[in-house]
């Protein structure tokens, strides 16, 4: 399994909208069988409330490629990007031990 930790830096005033889209993101990934059943962690930095972390696991090694080809996922990623500062989305991949 490949775990992903994504850091998002959201534009001021867009936090509530972004949180709603984060939840839609997870549901869409799950509906398209791209992630494991493990519930994601959705975190918000209490000292810098514009910073979020989303932690989840891809279903398999092909899941990211399938997500990149999914029109539904691409639309959600575009909405997320629109609510973050420029360069404000940073994914990091890890292998679960």
PDB file of N, CA and C in Angstrom:
ATOM      1  N   UNK A   1       0.832  -1.187   0.000  1.00  0.00           N
ATOM      2  CA  UNK A   1       0.000   0.000   0.000  1.00  0.00           C
ATOM      3  C   UNK A   1       0.873   1.246   0.000  1.00  0.00           C
ATOM      4  N   UNK A   2       0.417   2.227  -0.717  1.00  0.00           N
ATOM      5  CA  UNK A   2       1.119   3.498  -0.738  1.00  0.00           C
ATOM      6  C   UNK A   2       0.269   4.511   0.016  1.00  0.00           C
ATOM      7  N   UNK A   3       0.793   4.997   1.132  1.00  0.00           N
ATOM      8  CA  UNK A   3       0.094   6.025   1.905  1.00  0.00           C
ATOM      9  C   UNK A   3       0.472   7.391   1.343  1.00  0.00           C
ATOM     10  N   UNK A   4      -0.487   8.294   1.395  1.00  0.00           N
ATOM     11  CA  UNK A   4      -0.283   9.643   0.880  1.00  0.00           C
ATOM     12  C   UNK A   4      -0.614  10.639   1.974  1.00  0.00           C
ATOM     13  N   UNK A   5       0.273  11.595   2.162  1.00  0.00           N
ATOM     14  CA  UNK A   5       0.007  12.720   3.054  1.00  0.00           C
ATOM     15  C   UNK A   5       0.055  13.959   2.181  1.00  0.00           C
ATOM     16  N   UNK A   6      -1.096  14.609   2.060  1.00  0.00           N
ATOM     17  CA  UNK A   6      -1.180  15.803   1.222  1.00  0.00           C
ATOM     18  C   UNK A   6      -1.351  17.016   2.122  1.00  0.00           C
ATOM     19  N   UNK A   7      -0.504  17.997   1.918  1.00  0.00           N
ATOM     20  CA  UNK A   7      -0.618  19.265   2.619  1.00  0.00           C
ATOM     21  C   UNK A   7      -1.299  20.262   1.702  1.00  0.00           C
ATOM     22  N   UNK A   8      -2.299  20.941   2.249  1.00  0.00           N
ATOM     23  CA  UNK A   8      -3.022  21.982   1.504  1.00  0.00           C
ATOM     24  C   UNK A   8      -2.902  23.289   2.261  1.00  0.00           C
ATOM     25  N   UNK A   9      -2.603  24.365   1.563  1.00  0.00           N
ATOM     26  CA  UNK A   9      -2.624  25.695   2.159  1.00  0.00           C
ATOM     27  C   UNK A   9      -3.758  26.446   1.469  1.00  0.00           C
ATOM     28  N   UNK A  10      -4.814  26.650   2.227  1.00  0.00           N
ATOM     29  CA  UNK A  10      -6.064  27.180   1.691  1.00  0.00           C
ATOM     30  C   UNK A  10      -6.071  28.704   1.762  1.00  0.00           C
ATOM     31  N   UNK A  11      -6.665  29.312   0.743  1.00  0.00           N
ATOM     32  CA  UNK A  11      -6.817  30.770   0.733  1.00  0.00           C
ATOM     33  C   UNK A  11      -7.686  31.200   1.912  1.00  0.00           C
ATOM     34  N   UNK A  12      -7.316  32.291   2.541  1.00  0.00           N
ATOM     35  CA  UNK A  12      -8.077  32.827   3.671  1.00  0.00           C
ATOM     36  C   UNK A  12      -9.536  33.022   3.259  1.00  0.00           C
ATOM     37  N   UNK A  13     -10.435  32.607   4.139  1.00  0.00           N
ATOM     38  CA  UNK A  13     -11.858  32.747   3.885  1.00  0.00           C
ATOM     39  C   UNK A  13     -12.475  31.606   3.100  1.00  0.00           C
ATOM     40  N   UNK A  14     -11.662  30.667   2.639  1.00  0.00           N
ATOM     41  CA  UNK A  14     -12.160  29.544   1.835  1.00  0.00           C
ATOM     42  C   UNK A  14     -12.173  28.231   2.611  1.00  0.00           C
ATOM     43  N   UNK A  15     -11.881  28.290   3.896  1.00  0.00           N
ATOM     44  CA  UNK A  15     -11.711  27.071   4.689  1.00  0.00           C
ATOM     45  C   UNK A  15     -12.973  26.199   4.732  1.00  0.00           C
ATOM     46  N   UNK A  16     -14.125  26.781   4.986  1.00  0.00           N
ATOM     47  CA  UNK A  16     -15.365  25.998   5.097  1.00  0.00           C
ATOM     48  C   UNK A  16     -15.686  25.302   3.779  1.00  0.00           C
ATOM     49  N   UNK A  17     -15.558  26.013   2.701  1.00  0.00           N
ATOM     50  CA  UNK A  17     -15.800  25.452   1.368  1.00  0.00           C
ATOM     51  C   UNK A  17     -14.808  24.319   1.089  1.00  0.00           C
ATOM     52  N   UNK A  18     -13.544  24.543   1.456  1.00  0.00           N
ATOM     53  CA  UNK A  18     -12.513  23.541   1.216  1.00  0.00           C
ATOM     54  C   UNK A  18     -12.793  22.263   2.005  1.00  0.00           C
ATOM     55  N   UNK A  19     -13.209  22.394   3.251  1.00  0.00           N
ATOM     56  CA  UNK A  19     -13.501  21.217   4.075  1.00  0.00           C
ATOM     57  C   UNK A  19     -14.616  20.376   3.447  1.00  0.00           C
ATOM     58  N   UNK A  20     -15.607  21.028   2.878  1.00  0.00           N
ATOM     59  CA  UNK A  20     -16.687  20.314   2.215  1.00  0.00           C
ATOM     60  C   UNK A  20     -16.146  19.530   1.016  1.00  0.00           C
ATOM     61  N   UNK A  21     -15.282  20.155   0.245  1.00  0.00           N
ATOM     62  CA  UNK A  21     -14.709  19.484  -0.929  1.00  0.00           C
ATOM     63  C   UNK A  21     -13.796  18.333  -0.505  1.00  0.00           C
ATOM     64  N   UNK A  22     -13.063  18.488   0.597  1.00  0.00           N
ATOM     65  CA  UNK A  22     -12.223  17.385   1.089  1.00  0.00           C
ATOM     66  C   UNK A  22     -13.066  16.143   1.350  1.00  0.00           C
ATOM     67  N   UNK A  23     -14.235  16.341   1.946  1.00  0.00           N
ATOM     68  CA  UNK A  23     -15.113  15.204   2.224  1.00  0.00           C
ATOM     69  C   UNK A  23     -15.642  14.591   0.915  1.00  0.00           C
ATOM     70  N   UNK A  24     -15.972  15.434  -0.048  1.00  0.00           N
ATOM     71  CA  UNK A  24     -16.394  14.944  -1.368  1.00  0.00           C
ATOM     72  C   UNK A  24     -15.259  14.161  -2.030  1.00  0.00           C
ATOM     73  N   UNK A  25     -14.046  14.657  -1.856  1.00  0.00           N
ATOM     74  CA  UNK A  25     -12.856  14.014  -2.430  1.00  0.00           C
ATOM     75  C   UNK A  25     -12.760  12.574  -1.949  1.00  0.00           C
ATOM     76  N   UNK A  26     -12.867  12.392  -0.648  1.00  0.00           N
ATOM     77  CA  UNK A  26     -12.757  11.047  -0.097  1.00  0.00           C
ATOM     78  C   UNK A  26     -13.863  10.151  -0.641  1.00  0.00           C
ATOM     79  N   UNK A  27     -15.100  10.650  -0.640  1.00  0.00           N
ATOM     80  CA  UNK A  27     -16.223   9.838  -1.133  1.00  0.00           C
ATOM     81  C   UNK A  27     -16.011   9.428  -2.586  1.00  0.00           C
ATOM     82  N   UNK A  28     -15.541  10.348  -3.404  1.00  0.00           N
ATOM     83  CA  UNK A  28     -15.307  10.047  -4.823  1.00  0.00           C
ATOM     84  C   UNK A  28     -14.189   9.017  -4.994  1.00  0.00           C
ATOM     85  N   UNK A  29     -13.100   9.169  -4.243  1.00  0.00           N
ATOM     86  CA  UNK A  29     -12.014   8.190  -4.328  1.00  0.00           C
ATOM     87  C   UNK A  29     -12.510   6.797  -3.938  1.00  0.00           C
ATOM     88  N   UNK A  30     -13.328   6.766  -2.905  1.00  0.00           N
ATOM     89  CA  UNK A  30     -13.867   5.487  -2.428  1.00  0.00           C
ATOM     90  C   UNK A  30     -14.830   4.890  -3.451  1.00  0.00           C
ATOM     91  N   UNK A  31     -15.723   5.708  -4.013  1.00  0.00           N
ATOM     92  CA  UNK A  31     -16.688   5.230  -5.008  1.00  0.00           C
ATOM     93  C   UNK A  31     -15.999   4.648  -6.232  1.00  0.00           C
ATOM     94  N   UNK A  32     -14.857   5.208  -6.591  1.00  0.00           N
ATOM     95  CA  UNK A  32     -14.132   4.723  -7.768  1.00  0.00           C
ATOM     96  C   UNK A  32     -13.121   3.627  -7.413  1.00  0.00           C
ATOM     97  N   UNK A  33     -13.191   3.141  -6.159  1.00  0.00           N
ATOM     98  CA  UNK A  33     -12.337   2.050  -5.687  1.00  0.00           C
ATOM     99  C   UNK A  33     -10.847   2.365  -5.852  1.00  0.00           C
ATOM    100  N   UNK A  34     -10.489   3.595  -5.524  1.00  0.00           N
ATOM    101  CA  UNK A  34      -9.096   4.040  -5.654  1.00  0.00           C
ATOM    102  C   UNK A  34      -8.343   4.006  -4.335  1.00  0.00           C
ATOM    103  N   UNK A  35      -9.071   3.862  -3.230  1.00  0.00           N
ATOM    104  CA  UNK A  35      -8.453   3.900  -1.902  1.00  0.00           C
ATOM    105  C   UNK A  35      -8.875   2.677  -1.089  1.00  0.00           C
ATOM    106  N   UNK A  36      -8.101   2.401  -0.053  1.00  0.00           N
ATOM    107  CA  UNK A  36      -8.440   1.294   0.847  1.00  0.00           C
ATOM    108  C   UNK A  36      -9.630   1.697   1.716  1.00  0.00           C
ATOM    109  N   UNK A  37     -10.244   0.746   2.403  1.00  0.00           N
ATOM    110  CA  UNK A  37     -11.369   1.068   3.287  1.00  0.00           C
ATOM    111  C   UNK A  37     -10.959   1.894   4.521  1.00  0.00           C
ATOM    112  N   UNK A  38      -9.666   1.973   4.784  1.00  0.00           N
ATOM    113  CA  UNK A  38      -9.173   2.756   5.928  1.00  0.00           C
ATOM    114  C   UNK A  38      -9.673   4.201   5.807  1.00  0.00           C
ATOM    115  N   UNK A  39     -10.373   4.666   6.816  1.00  0.00           N
ATOM    116  CA  UNK A  39     -10.904   6.027   6.811  1.00  0.00           C
ATOM    117  C   UNK A  39      -9.739   7.013   6.813  1.00  0.00           C
ATOM    118  N   UNK A  40      -9.812   8.062   5.989  1.00  0.00           N
ATOM    119  CA  UNK A  40      -8.696   9.011   5.935  1.00  0.00           C
ATOM    120  C   UNK A  40      -8.652   9.883   7.182  1.00  0.00           C
ATOM    121  N   UNK A  41      -7.493  10.432   7.434  1.00  0.00           N
ATOM    122  CA  UNK A  41      -7.345  11.454   8.457  1.00  0.00           C
ATOM    123  C   UNK A  41      -7.438  12.797   7.756  1.00  0.00           C
ATOM    124  N   UNK A  42      -8.317  13.645   8.226  1.00  0.00           N
ATOM    125  CA  UNK A  42      -8.414  15.010   7.735  1.00  0.00           C
ATOM    126  C   UNK A  42      -8.046  15.905   8.905  1.00  0.00           C
ATOM    127  N   UNK A  43      -6.939  16.608   8.774  1.00  0.00           N
ATOM    128  CA  UNK A  43      -6.384  17.381   9.886  1.00  0.00           C
ATOM    129  C   UNK A  43      -6.289  18.859   9.523  1.00  0.00           C
ATOM    130  N   UNK A  44      -6.440  19.699  10.546  1.00  0.00           N
ATOM    131  CA  UNK A  44      -6.298  21.148  10.363  1.00  0.00           C
ATOM    132  C   UNK A  44      -5.374  21.664  11.459  1.00  0.00           C
ATOM    133  N   UNK A  45      -4.416  22.481  11.080  1.00  0.00           N
ATOM    134  CA  UNK A  45      -3.434  23.027  12.007  1.00  0.00           C
ATOM    135  C   UNK A  45      -4.106  24.101  12.877  1.00  0.00           C
ATOM    136  N   UNK A  46      -4.185  23.879  14.200  1.00  0.00           N
ATOM    137  CA  UNK A  46      -4.843  24.866  15.063  1.00  0.00           C
ATOM    138  C   UNK A  46      -4.083  26.189  15.161  1.00  0.00           C
ATOM    139  N   UNK A  47      -2.790  26.164  14.922  1.00  0.00           N
ATOM    140  CA  UNK A  47      -1.995  27.393  14.995  1.00  0.00           C
ATOM    141  C   UNK A  47      -1.955  28.137  13.666  1.00  0.00           C
ATOM    142  N   UNK A  48      -2.222  27.435  12.577  1.00  0.00           N
ATOM    143  CA  UNK A  48      -2.282  28.041  11.251  1.00  0.00           C
ATOM    144  C   UNK A  48      -3.474  27.408  10.525  1.00  0.00           C
ATOM    145  N   UNK A  49      -4.696  27.909  10.798  1.00  0.00           N
ATOM    146  CA  UNK A  49      -5.908  27.240  10.312  1.00  0.00           C
ATOM    147  C   UNK A  49      -6.094  27.197   8.803  1.00  0.00           C
ATOM    148  N   UNK A  50      -5.186  27.766   8.046  1.00  0.00           N
ATOM    149  CA  UNK A  50      -5.252  27.657   6.588  1.00  0.00           C
ATOM    150  C   UNK A  50      -4.535  26.405   6.087  1.00  0.00           C
ATOM    151  N   UNK A  51      -3.873  25.674   6.986  1.00  0.00           N
ATOM    152  CA  UNK A  51      -3.103  24.488   6.602  1.00  0.00           C
ATOM    153  C   UNK A  51      -3.857  23.222   7.011  1.00  0.00           C
ATOM    154  N   UNK A  52      -4.043  22.355   6.020  1.00  0.00           N
ATOM    155  CA  UNK A  52      -4.722  21.079   6.212  1.00  0.00           C
ATOM    156  C   UNK A  52      -3.801  19.944   5.797  1.00  0.00           C
ATOM    157  N   UNK A  53      -4.060  18.769   6.364  1.00  0.00           N
ATOM    158  CA  UNK A  53      -3.390  17.535   5.946  1.00  0.00           C
ATOM    159  C   UNK A  53      -4.482  16.503   5.677  1.00  0.00           C
ATOM    160  N   UNK A  54      -4.318  15.779   4.606  1.00  0.00           N
ATOM    161  CA  UNK A  54      -5.199  14.665   4.280  1.00  0.00           C
ATOM    162  C   UNK A  54      -4.302  13.437   4.170  1.00  0.00           C
ATOM    163  N   UNK A  55      -4.623  12.400   4.909  1.00  0.00           N
ATOM    164  CA  UNK A  55      -3.809  11.188   4.918  1.00  0.00           C
ATOM    165  C   UNK A  55      -4.701  10.010   4.535  1.00  0.00           C
ATOM    166  N   UNK A  56      -4.306   9.294   3.483  1.00  0.00           N
ATOM    167  CA  UNK A  56      -5.078   8.139   3.043  1.00  0.00           C
ATOM    168  C   UNK A  56      -4.151   7.159   2.331  1.00  0.00           C
ATOM    169  N   UNK A  57      -4.712   5.999   1.968  1.00  0.00           N
ATOM    170  CA  UNK A  57      -3.942   4.977   1.264  1.00  0.00           C
ATOM    171  C   UNK A  57      -4.588   4.667  -0.082  1.00  0.00           C
ATOM    172  N   UNK A  58      -3.769   4.663  -1.126  1.00  0.00           N
ATOM    173  CA  UNK A  58      -4.249   4.223  -2.432  1.00  0.00           C
ATOM    174  C   UNK A  58      -4.550   2.730  -2.357  1.00  0.00           C
ATOM    175  N   UNK A  59      -5.510   2.291  -3.147  1.00  0.00           N
ATOM    176  CA  UNK A  59      -5.890   0.877  -3.185  1.00  0.00           C
ATOM    177  C   UNK A  59      -4.735   0.009  -3.698  1.00  0.00           C
ATOM    178  N   UNK A  60      -4.057   0.488  -4.747  1.00  0.00           N
ATOM    179  CA  UNK A  60      -2.948  -0.269  -5.319  1.00  0.00           C
ATOM    180  C   UNK A  60      -2.025   0.679  -6.087  1.00  0.00           C
ATOM    181  N   UNK A  61      -1.009   0.127  -6.707  1.00  0.00           N
ATOM    182  CA  UNK A  61       0.001   0.953  -7.387  1.00  0.00           C
ATOM    183  C   UNK A  61      -0.534   1.682  -8.618  1.00  0.00           C
ATOM    184  N   UNK A  62      -1.679   1.272  -9.138  1.00  0.00           N
ATOM    185  CA  UNK A  62      -2.259   1.912 -10.326  1.00  0.00           C
ATOM    186  C   UNK A  62      -3.306   2.975  -9.983  1.00  0.00           C
ATOM    187  N   UNK A  63      -3.646   3.102  -8.720  1.00  0.00           N
ATOM    188  CA  UNK A  63      -4.748   3.993  -8.316  1.00  0.00           C
ATOM    189  C   UNK A  63      -4.506   5.453  -8.685  1.00  0.00           C
ATOM    190  N   UNK A  64      -3.310   5.954  -8.469  1.00  0.00           N
ATOM    191  CA  UNK A  64      -3.038   7.346  -8.804  1.00  0.00           C
ATOM    192  C   UNK A  64      -3.231   7.585 -10.296  1.00  0.00           C
ATOM    193  N   UNK A  65      -2.719   6.705 -11.111  1.00  0.00           N
ATOM    194  CA  UNK A  65      -2.876   6.844 -12.573  1.00  0.00           C
ATOM    195  C   UNK A  65      -4.356   6.831 -12.964  1.00  0.00           C
ATOM    196  N   UNK A  66      -5.136   5.953 -12.317  1.00  0.00           N
ATOM    197  CA  UNK A  66      -6.571   5.896 -12.610  1.00  0.00           C
ATOM    198  C   UNK A  66      -7.258   7.180 -12.144  1.00  0.00           C
ATOM    199  N   UNK A  67      -6.839   7.720 -11.022  1.00  0.00           N
ATOM    200  CA  UNK A  67      -7.407   8.986 -10.533  1.00  0.00           C
ATOM    201  C   UNK A  67      -7.107  10.116 -11.507  1.00  0.00           C
ATOM    202  N   UNK A  68      -5.909  10.117 -12.055  1.00  0.00           N
ATOM    203  CA  UNK A  68      -5.513  11.159 -13.007  1.00  0.00           C
ATOM    204  C   UNK A  68      -6.329  11.092 -14.300  1.00  0.00           C
ATOM    205  N   UNK A  69      -6.893   9.930 -14.597  1.00  0.00           N
ATOM    206  CA  UNK A  69      -7.701   9.756 -15.809  1.00  0.00           C
ATOM    207  C   UNK A  69      -9.197   9.921 -15.543  1.00  0.00           C
ATOM    208  N   UNK A  70      -9.577   9.998 -14.283  1.00  0.00           N
ATOM    209  CA  UNK A  70     -10.986  10.097 -13.919  1.00  0.00           C
ATOM    210  C   UNK A  70     -11.483  11.539 -14.036  1.00  0.00           C
ATOM    211  N   UNK A  71     -12.500  11.730 -14.847  1.00  0.00           N
ATOM    212  CA  UNK A  71     -13.076  13.069 -15.021  1.00  0.00           C
ATOM    213  C   UNK A  71     -13.648  13.584 -13.695  1.00  0.00           C
ATOM    214  N   UNK A  72     -14.305  12.710 -12.960  1.00  0.00           N
ATOM    215  CA  UNK A  72     -14.899  13.097 -11.671  1.00  0.00           C
ATOM    216  C   UNK A  72     -13.834  13.569 -10.683  1.00  0.00           C
ATOM    217  N   UNK A  73     -12.752  12.803 -10.559  1.00  0.00           N
ATOM    218  CA  UNK A  73     -11.667  13.159  -9.632  1.00  0.00           C
ATOM    219  C   UNK A  73     -10.979  14.432 -10.107  1.00  0.00           C
ATOM    220  N   UNK A  74     -10.750  14.567 -11.387  1.00  0.00           N
ATOM    221  CA  UNK A  74     -10.094  15.763 -11.922  1.00  0.00           C
ATOM    222  C   UNK A  74     -10.897  17.027 -11.610  1.00  0.00           C
ATOM    223  N   UNK A  75     -12.220  16.941 -11.706  1.00  0.00           N
ATOM    224  CA  UNK A  75     -13.069  18.097 -11.386  1.00  0.00           C
ATOM    225  C   UNK A  75     -12.926  18.479  -9.916  1.00  0.00           C
ATOM    226  N   UNK A  76     -12.884  17.481  -9.049  1.00  0.00           N
ATOM    227  CA  UNK A  76     -12.720  17.752  -7.616  1.00  0.00           C
ATOM    228  C   UNK A  76     -11.344  18.354  -7.355  1.00  0.00           C
ATOM    229  N   UNK A  77     -10.300  17.795  -7.966  1.00  0.00           N
ATOM    230  CA  UNK A  77      -8.948  18.336  -7.779  1.00  0.00           C
ATOM    231  C   UNK A  77      -8.858  19.773  -8.262  1.00  0.00           C
ATOM    232  N   UNK A  78      -9.557  20.096  -9.332  1.00  0.00           N
ATOM    233  CA  UNK A  78      -9.563  21.474  -9.846  1.00  0.00           C
ATOM    234  C   UNK A  78     -10.210  22.411  -8.834  1.00  0.00           C
ATOM    235  N   UNK A  79     -11.331  21.997  -8.257  1.00  0.00           N
ATOM    236  CA  UNK A  79     -12.002  22.823  -7.245  1.00  0.00           C
ATOM    237  C   UNK A  79     -11.107  23.016  -6.022  1.00  0.00           C
ATOM    238  N   UNK A  80     -10.395  21.969  -5.627  1.00  0.00           N
ATOM    239  CA  UNK A  80      -9.478  22.070  -4.486  1.00  0.00           C
ATOM    240  C   UNK A  80      -8.349  23.047  -4.809  1.00  0.00           C
ATOM    241  N   UNK A  81      -7.794  22.926  -6.004  1.00  0.00           N
ATOM    242  CA  UNK A  81      -6.706  23.808  -6.431  1.00  0.00           C
ATOM    243  C   UNK A  81      -7.148  25.263  -6.439  1.00  0.00           C
ATOM    244  N   UNK A  82      -8.377  25.502  -6.893  1.00  0.00           N
ATOM    245  CA  UNK A  82      -8.899  26.871  -6.949  1.00  0.00           C
ATOM    246  C   UNK A  82      -9.007  27.519  -5.563  1.00  0.00           C
ATOM    247  N   UNK A  83      -9.128  26.698  -4.518  1.00  0.00           N
ATOM    248  CA  UNK A  83      -9.281  27.216  -3.157  1.00  0.00           C
ATOM    249  C   UNK A  83      -7.971  27.282  -2.376  1.00  0.00           C
ATOM    250  N   UNK A  84      -6.874  26.864  -3.010  1.00  0.00           N
ATOM    251  CA  UNK A  84      -5.575  26.902  -2.328  1.00  0.00           C
ATOM    252  C   UNK A  84      -4.693  27.984  -2.943  1.00  0.00           C
ATOM    253  N   UNK A  85      -3.689  28.400  -2.168  1.00  0.00           N
ATOM    254  CA  UNK A  85      -2.748  29.380  -2.697  1.00  0.00           C
ATOM    255  C   UNK A  85      -1.928  28.724  -3.801  1.00  0.00           C
ATOM    256  N   UNK A  86      -1.276  29.506  -4.627  1.00  0.00           N
ATOM    257  CA  UNK A  86      -0.445  28.955  -5.696  1.00  0.00           C
ATOM    258  C   UNK A  86       0.646  28.083  -5.087  1.00  0.00           C
ATOM    259  N   UNK A  87       0.761  26.859  -5.584  1.00  0.00           N
ATOM    260  CA  UNK A  87       1.738  25.908  -5.047  1.00  0.00           C
ATOM    261  C   UNK A  87       1.328  25.360  -3.700  1.00  0.00           C
ATOM    262  N   UNK A  88       0.052  25.535  -3.319  1.00  0.00           N
ATOM    263  CA  UNK A  88      -0.418  25.173  -1.989  1.00  0.00           C
ATOM    264  C   UNK A  88      -0.908  23.755  -1.827  1.00  0.00           C
ATOM    265  N   UNK A  89      -0.581  22.879  -2.765  1.00  0.00           N
ATOM    266  CA  UNK A  89      -0.905  21.463  -2.626  1.00  0.00           C
ATOM    267  C   UNK A  89       0.382  20.677  -2.793  1.00  0.00           C
ATOM    268  N   UNK A  90       0.736  19.947  -1.743  1.00  0.00           N
ATOM    269  CA  UNK A  90       1.999  19.202  -1.767  1.00  0.00           C
ATOM    270  C   UNK A  90       1.777  17.756  -1.299  1.00  0.00           C
ATOM    271  N   UNK A  91       1.741  16.799  -2.234  1.00  0.00           N
ATOM    272  CA  UNK A  91       1.598  15.392  -1.835  1.00  0.00           C
ATOM    273  C   UNK A  91       2.943  14.777  -1.496  1.00  0.00           C
ATOM    274  N   UNK A  92       2.910  13.848  -0.569  1.00  0.00           N
ATOM    275  CA  UNK A  92       4.101  13.065  -0.225  1.00  0.00           C
ATOM    276  C   UNK A  92       3.660  11.614  -0.099  1.00  0.00           C
ATOM    277  N   UNK A  93       4.359  10.729  -0.783  1.00  0.00           N
ATOM    278  CA  UNK A  93       4.006   9.306  -0.781  1.00  0.00           C
ATOM    279  C   UNK A  93       4.912   8.522   0.147  1.00  0.00           C
ATOM    280  N   UNK A  94       4.321   7.573   0.848  1.00  0.00           N
ATOM    281  CA  UNK A  94       5.053   6.726   1.785  1.00  0.00           C
ATOM    282  C   UNK A  94       4.610   5.287   1.624  1.00  0.00           C
ATOM    283  N   UNK A  95       5.501   4.374   1.935  1.00  0.00           N
ATOM    284  CA  UNK A  95       5.162   2.968   1.957  1.00  0.00           C
ATOM    285  C   UNK A  95       4.798   2.613   3.392  1.00  0.00           C
ATOM    286  N   UNK A  96       3.653   1.988   3.551  1.00  0.00           N
ATOM    287  CA  UNK A  96       3.221   1.593   4.893  1.00  0.00           C
ATOM    288  C   UNK A  96       4.038   0.389   5.357  1.00  0.00           C
ATOM    289  N   UNK A  97       4.527   0.451   6.572  1.00  0.00           N
ATOM    290  CA  UNK A  97       5.329  -0.644   7.126  1.00  0.00           C
ATOM    291  C   UNK A  97       4.484  -1.588   7.937  1.00  0.00           C
TER     292      UNK A  97
END
